[in-house]
C-alpha atoms as a PDB file:
ATOM      1  CA  MET A   1       0.094   0.088  -0.067  1.00  0.00           C
ATOM      2  CA  ARG A   2       2.751   2.419   0.664  1.00  0.00           C
ATOM      3  CA  ALA A   3       4.336   2.150  -3.083  1.00  0.00           C
ATOM      4  CA  VAL A   4       0.499   3.108  -3.889  1.00  0.00           C
ATOM      5  CA  SER A   5       0.837   6.265  -1.667  1.00  0.00           C
ATOM      6  CA  ALA A   6       4.047   7.193  -2.899  1.00  0.00           C
ATOM      7  CA  LEU A   7       2.913   6.901  -6.634  1.00  0.00           C
ATOM      8  CA  LEU A   8      -0.221   8.801  -5.934  1.00  0.00           C
ATOM      9  CA  ARG A   9       2.105  11.657  -4.489  1.00  0.00           C
ATOM     10  CA  THR A  10       4.342  12.102  -7.169  1.00  0.00           C
ATOM     11  CA  SER A  11       1.554  12.271  -9.580  1.00  0.00           C
ATOM     12  CA  THR A  12      -0.107  15.316  -7.796  1.00  0.00           C
ATOM     13  CA  PHE A  13      -0.456  18.358  -9.938  1.00  0.00           C
ATOM     14  CA  ILE A  14      -0.978  22.172  -8.262  1.00  0.00           C
ATOM     15  CA  ASP A  15      -3.439  24.441 -10.104  1.00  0.00           C
ATOM     16  CA  VAL A  16      -2.529  28.135  -9.447  1.00  0.00           C
ATOM     17  CA  SER A  17      -5.651  30.211 -10.382  1.00  0.00           C
ATOM     18  CA  VAL A  18      -5.426  33.857  -9.539  1.00  0.00           C
ATOM     19  CA  ASP A  19      -8.224  35.895 -10.447  1.00  0.00           C
ATOM     20  CA  ALA A  20      -7.668  39.309 -12.200  1.00  0.00           C
ATOM     21  CA  HIS A  21      -8.039  42.296 -10.058  1.00  0.00           C
ATOM     22  CA  ASP A  22      -6.769  45.544  -8.862  1.00  0.00           C
ATOM     23  CA  ALA A  23      -3.768  44.354  -7.325  1.00  0.00           C
ATOM     24  CA  LEU A  24      -2.974  41.554 -10.357  1.00  0.00           C
ATOM     25  CA  PRO A  25      -4.551  43.020 -13.318  1.00  0.00           C
ATOM     26  CA  ASP A  26      -3.373  40.112 -15.380  1.00  0.00           C
ATOM     27  CA  GLY A  27      -4.102  37.165 -13.292  1.00  0.00           C
ATOM     28  CA  VAL A  28      -2.689  33.590 -13.905  1.00  0.00           C
ATOM     29  CA  LEU A  29      -3.641  29.593 -14.501  1.00  0.00           C
ATOM     30  CA  LEU A  30      -0.781  27.564 -14.106  1.00  0.00           C
ATOM     31  CA  ARG A  31      -0.308  24.141 -13.394  1.00  0.00           C
ATOM     32  CA  PHE A  32       2.859  22.337 -11.553  1.00  0.00           C
ATOM     33  CA  LYS A  33       3.845  18.779 -10.779  1.00  0.00           C
ATOM     34  CA  ALA A  34       4.157  18.532  -6.922  1.00  0.00           C
ATOM     35  CA  VAL A  35       7.209  16.598  -5.425  1.00  0.00           C
ATOM     36  CA  SER A  36       6.075  17.240  -1.804  1.00  0.00           C
ATOM     37  CA  ASP A  37       3.161  17.630   0.372  1.00  0.00           C
ATOM     38  CA  PRO A  38       1.543  21.383   0.850  1.00  0.00           C
ATOM     39  CA  ARG A  39       2.535  23.044   3.730  1.00  0.00           C
ATOM     40  CA  ALA A  40       1.531  26.182   5.474  1.00  0.00           C
ATOM     41  CA  LEU A  41       3.919  29.446   4.994  1.00  0.00           C
ATOM     42  CA  SER A  42       4.139  32.491   6.910  1.00  0.00           C
ATOM     43  CA  ARG A  43       7.707  34.048   6.244  1.00  0.00           C
ATOM     44  CA  ILE A  44       9.697  34.038   3.188  1.00  0.00           C
ATOM     45  CA  LEU A  45      12.933  35.904   1.653  1.00  0.00           C
ATOM     46  CA  TYR A  46      11.853  38.110  -0.897  1.00  0.00           C
ATOM     47  CA  ALA A  47      13.693  40.178  -3.790  1.00  0.00           C
ATOM     48  CA  PRO A  48      11.016  42.560  -5.122  1.00  0.00           C
ATOM     49  CA  ASP A  49      11.755  44.095  -9.078  1.00  0.00           C
ATOM     50  CA  VAL A  50      12.367  47.240  -7.136  1.00  0.00           C
ATOM     51  CA  GLY A  51      13.771  47.888  -3.756  1.00  0.00           C
ATOM     52  CA  PRO A  52      15.825  45.558  -1.473  1.00  0.00           C
ATOM     53  CA  GLU A  53      15.659  41.921  -0.439  1.00  0.00           C
ATOM     54  CA  GLY A  54      14.039  41.194   3.010  1.00  0.00           C
ATOM     55  CA  TRP A  55      12.157  38.942   5.074  1.00  0.00           C
ATOM     56  CA  CYS A  56       8.160  39.403   4.723  1.00  0.00           C
ATOM     57  CA  MET A  57       5.113  37.695   5.870  1.00  0.00           C
ATOM     58  CA  VAL A  58       3.490  36.276   3.162  1.00  0.00           C
ATOM     59  CA  GLU A  59      -0.526  35.307   3.270  1.00  0.00           C
ATOM     60  CA  GLY A  60      -2.892  34.612   0.748  1.00  0.00           C
ATOM     61  CA  ARG A  61      -6.017  36.312  -0.427  1.00  0.00           C
ATOM     62  CA  ASP A  62      -9.317  34.263  -0.980  1.00  0.00           C
ATOM     63  CA  GLY A  63     -11.826  35.214  -3.655  1.00  0.00           C
ATOM     64  CA  SER A  64     -13.362  38.002  -1.140  1.00  0.00           C
ATOM     65  CA  GLY A  65     -10.453  39.836  -0.520  1.00  0.00           C
ATOM     66  CA  ALA A  66      -9.780  37.828   2.668  1.00  0.00           C
ATOM     67  CA  ARG A  67      -6.741  36.628   4.304  1.00  0.00           C
ATOM     68  CA  CYS A  68      -6.201  32.716   3.779  1.00  0.00           C
ATOM     69  CA  GLU A  69      -2.927  30.959   4.183  1.00  0.00           C
ATOM     70  CA  ALA A  70      -0.114  30.612   1.915  1.00  0.00           C
ATOM     71  CA  MET A  71       1.159  27.684   1.002  1.00  0.00           C
ATOM     72  CA  ALA A  72       4.292  26.040  -0.205  1.00  0.00           C
ATOM     73  CA  VAL A  73       5.209  22.590  -2.162  1.00  0.00           C
ATOM     74  CA  GLN A  74       8.112  21.533  -3.980  1.00  0.00           C
ATOM     75  CA  VAL A  75       7.432  21.041  -7.599  1.00  0.00           C
ATOM     76  CA  GLU A  76       9.447  20.211 -10.486  1.00  0.00           C
ATOM     77  CA  ASP A  77      11.257  23.314 -12.474  1.00  0.00           C
ATOM     78  CA  SER A  78      12.506  22.170 -15.866  1.00  0.00           C
ATOM     79  CA  SER A  79      15.276  25.094 -15.229  1.00  0.00           C
ATOM     80  CA  ALA A  80      16.370  24.451 -11.520  1.00  0.00           C
ATOM     81  CA  GLY A  81      15.214  20.423 -10.994  1.00  0.00           C
ATOM     82  CA  VAL A  82      13.078  21.344  -8.239  1.00  0.00           C
ATOM     83  CA  SER A  83      11.747  24.559  -6.693  1.00  0.00           C
ATOM     84  CA  THR A  84       9.171  25.640  -3.962  1.00  0.00           C
ATOM     85  CA  LEU A  85       5.975  27.066  -5.178  1.00  0.00           C
ATOM     86  CA  VAL A  86       4.475  29.555  -2.589  1.00  0.00           C
ATOM     87  CA  PHE A  87       0.975  30.264  -3.578  1.00  0.00           C
ATOM     88  CA  GLY A  88      -2.292  31.886  -1.947  1.00  0.00           C
ATOM     89  CA  GLY A  89      -5.924  32.003  -3.210  1.00  0.00           C
ATOM     90  CA  ALA A  90      -7.893  33.058  -6.044  1.00  0.00           C
ATOM     91  CA  ARG A  91      -6.694  36.420  -5.301  1.00  0.00           C
ATOM     92  CA  GLY A  92      -2.807  35.635  -5.035  1.00  0.00           C
ATOM     93  CA  LEU A  93      -0.221  36.264  -2.341  1.00  0.00           C
ATOM     94  CA  ARG A  94       0.425  39.433  -0.160  1.00  0.00           C
ATOM     95  CA  LEU A  95       3.816  39.713   1.036  1.00  0.00           C
ATOM     96  CA  ILE A  96       4.345  42.575   4.145  1.00  0.00           C
ATOM     97  CA  PRO A  97       7.928  43.458   4.303  1.00  0.00           C
ATOM     98  CA  SER A  98       9.030  43.211   8.002  1.00  0.00           C
ATOM     99  CA  ASP A  99      10.461  47.232   8.032  1.00  0.00           C
ATOM    100  CA  GLY A 100       6.626  48.043   7.607  1.00  0.00           C
ATOM    101  CA  SER A 101       7.260  49.574   3.862  1.00  0.00           C
ATOM    102  CA  VAL A 102       4.617  48.797   0.846  1.00  0.00           C
ATOM    103  CA  THR A 103       3.074  45.731   0.582  1.00  0.00           C
ATOM    104  CA  PHE A 104       3.502  43.619  -2.558  1.00  0.00           C
ATOM    105  CA  ALA A 105       1.003  41.295  -4.671  1.00  0.00           C
ATOM    106  CA  GLU A 106       2.268  38.248  -6.273  1.00  0.00           C
ATOM    107  CA  THR A 107       0.313  35.649  -8.055  1.00  0.00           C
ATOM    108  CA  HIS A 108       2.577  33.045  -6.894  1.00  0.00           C
ATOM    109  CA  LEU A 109       6.293  32.530  -6.218  1.00  0.00           C
ATOM    110  CA  LEU A 110       9.000  30.089  -7.297  1.00  0.00           C
ATOM    111  CA  VAL A 111      11.895  30.210  -4.880  1.00  0.00           C
ATOM    112  CA  SER A 112      15.044  28.166  -3.969  1.00  0.00           C
ATOM    113  CA  ALA A 113      15.169  26.859  -0.344  1.00  0.00           C
ATOM    114  CA  GLU A 114      17.354  29.380   0.442  1.00  0.00           C
ATOM    115  CA  CYS A 115      14.052  31.966   0.848  1.00  0.00           C
ATOM    116  CA  LEU A 116      12.321  29.768   3.026  1.00  0.00           C
ATOM    117  CA  PRO A 117      12.889  30.223   7.032  1.00  0.00           C
END
């Protein structure tokens, strides 16, 4: 029975579906092949396009814009082998810098292990 369970886990796909809205006008629909079980995540090392890299609180937003858990799962990545996918709800992720500066919105993130606590 364990072999079947392991086989099922390697065949799990994670769909990231983020609706377009003011903070993320393009939305996204992507599929990733998971190689681990998802887990809740509350902090991440984030490097925005503009501004310094730093630790942020990370949370998801559901379809109504309410907070939900951000999740992390290892996925196959054709360029890196395995990366960690960080995803939230139907309105994506919010990253809140520990220094209190502006909050960032992302549909999802693909990060290396060094970006996780």
